[in-house]
Amino acid sequence: MTITELVKIFWSIIAPDNKKRLFFVVFMQCVAAVVENVMAVSIASFASFSVNPQAFLENTKVIILLSHIPFVEARVVDIMLFLVAAMVVSVALKVVFSLSSEYMQSTLAEKISNDTAMATMKSLMARSFSWHLKQNPADLVLALQWRQFGSGLCSTITQIVFNIMLALLLLSTLCFADPVLVIPMLIISCMGGAVYKVFRGRVSSTSKLYFYICLVINAIVSRGIYGVREVKVFQAENYLEKELSEQLDKGAPYRALQKFYAVCPTNALEFLVIMTVGGFGAYLIIWSGMSQGAAVAMLSLLAVSGWRMVPAANKIITGFKTLEQSWPYLEKLATYISGGHREVYEDGEQAELCFDNDIRVDNLAFSYDVESLPVLSDVSFDIRKAQTTAIIGDSGAGKSTMLYLLLGLLDPTGGNILLGDRRLDATTRGAWLKRVGYVPQSPYVQTGTLAENIAFGVPKPEISIDRVMECCKLAAIDFIDELANGLDTVVGDGGVRLSGGQCQRVAIARALYRDPCVLIFDEATSALDTHNEQAVMGALMSLRGKMTMVLVTHRLDSAFACDRVVYLRKGEAVVVGAPDEIIPLYKERQVCDVGFSECR
């Protein structure tokens, strides 16, 4: 990815108001560059006049400038007072503009950082479910912490532009005073470019290597924190600590090199500048034949200009070095931001989707990758309206994938899912999900209150407590009175204050909260004991005839309570029919390919 492409991506995510602020910051920095140049000239003029007033007043260009300044006569006192005033005012203005520009730039950087975070989050949320299945969640969380690199890109580029402008103004001033003075500055500029070129490749390669090591370190830490239960049970602490130590030791030299390369250009440039200015000064005084006063005047201007030129050159080099170090992070962020596009569908299409007919799974096929074997192939069956359908099969048969397809989280690689006469696709997915309730095998419980978890995705002021209580009753949540603050009890990240069965019942209540037409369960009662399972299944079975339900289950007694059973085996719907026909065959594992068409 080129720098132009990268800038275009980040420019596109900056809010319009922040773009206007950015232009204003650039304008302020241009003014600050002019003021800083005036400051350098006034200081150099003051130094030159103090050393040799007569030589200063005999300078033709000085005479022309003084002729255009009112109230200043060619007298030593007047000129000295004017130069002191100019120096003080220019330094004061430089401080004011520098501080103002720094404050505005810092404020803008935070705003652009927020723009980067929002663009990254929106893009990640717009990515397909299949894309997320292939990612490490810890890396995606880490990406949001890289938002400062987005603002840093703008800040670094504006700083580079500012210092280049300052350097050009200083060179123009020296050229106006005496073109000979430009020679050492051009030499310094060329040497600065050479120094940057020497270290550029090293900085780039070191930064990329350190970036990938940081990703590995983040993955190790995430395994230890998110999998702390398994780590302790399997006594894997030493293994994780050893693995982390190896990666830290591996990354330390690269981090040290980054810091070393950060100071090398500055020190090298300072040495080269001193050598160049010193050699040029010796030439002026010893070999040029110039008077001592004139030589000192020129050296004063050169020294003051160099005093500002060297930091400018350092900042330019540092800016490019910062871009090199940030490049892996910026490139990764750019791929996240540019790759996610939220599906757009018309409100009218949502309103037209009315679930009044059966759901038809027609010759459905799916593969997670082009190279991989199909998870499902040529699967066909009906999910009849207001009936309960169970999907059974051995582990790896494709049951959960079938549910993801029914939810619209995955797109089939072959066949269709028909919602009445409408095909489940990008135009109907949003409306379909509003009519579906889903209970996963391992539900996500967020940090928040019990009520907020049940009304997941609903703003807190809009939560209906009556509806929450109704869903709690249907989901057999009988532990509310045992909680310290009832529905307002904070259950902790991952539901750490709830048992596995309680988390499962919270997920069932959550699925019911939006009053869905279709309920889909993925081993929803697997974590419940027999008593609670019977209570939940009793509550759910009381909804038979009122809504359509689909259950993936290993518990055959739950499948027996359904109207129809789909038996999946190795990604194929081997047989579909009534529970008393299918379950005995499933138990005996004597299903054949012929003779069950009448069950469909």
Foldseek 3Di string as FASTA:
>chain_A
DDPVVLCVLLVVLADPVLVVLLVVLLVLLLVLLVLVLLLLVLQLLLQLCVLPVVVSLPDPVSVVVQVPDPPADSDSVRVNVVSVVSNVVSVVVNVVSVVVSVVSLVVSLVSSLVSLLVLLVQQVVLDFPLVVVPDDVLVSVVLNVLSSLSSLLSVLVSLLVSLVSSLVSLLVVLVVRPVVLNVLVVVLLVVLVVLLVVCLVVLLVLLVVLVVLVVVLSSLVCCCPVVVVVCVVVVCPVVSVVVNVVSCVVNVVSVVVLVVSLCVSLVVSVVSSCVSLVVVLCCLVPPPPDDPSVSVSSSSSSVSSVVSNSVSSSSNSNSSSVCSNCVVSSVVSSCSSVVGDHQDADPVLLVPQDQPFKKWFAQFWADSDPPDDILAGGATDIQGWLFEEEEEEDPSLCPVVVVCVVLLSDDTPDTFIQRPPRTRDSHHNVSQNLQEFEQEPQDFAAFFFLQCLLQPPDPPVPRDVVLLVVLCQLLVVPCQVVAPNRRRHGQDGSSPNDDRQNVLSSSSSSSPSSPHQEYEYEQSCVRPDPVSVVSNLVSVLVCRSVHGYYYYHPDLVSNLSGQKYFYGDSNYRQAIAGSVVVVVCVVVVPGDNDDRPVRD
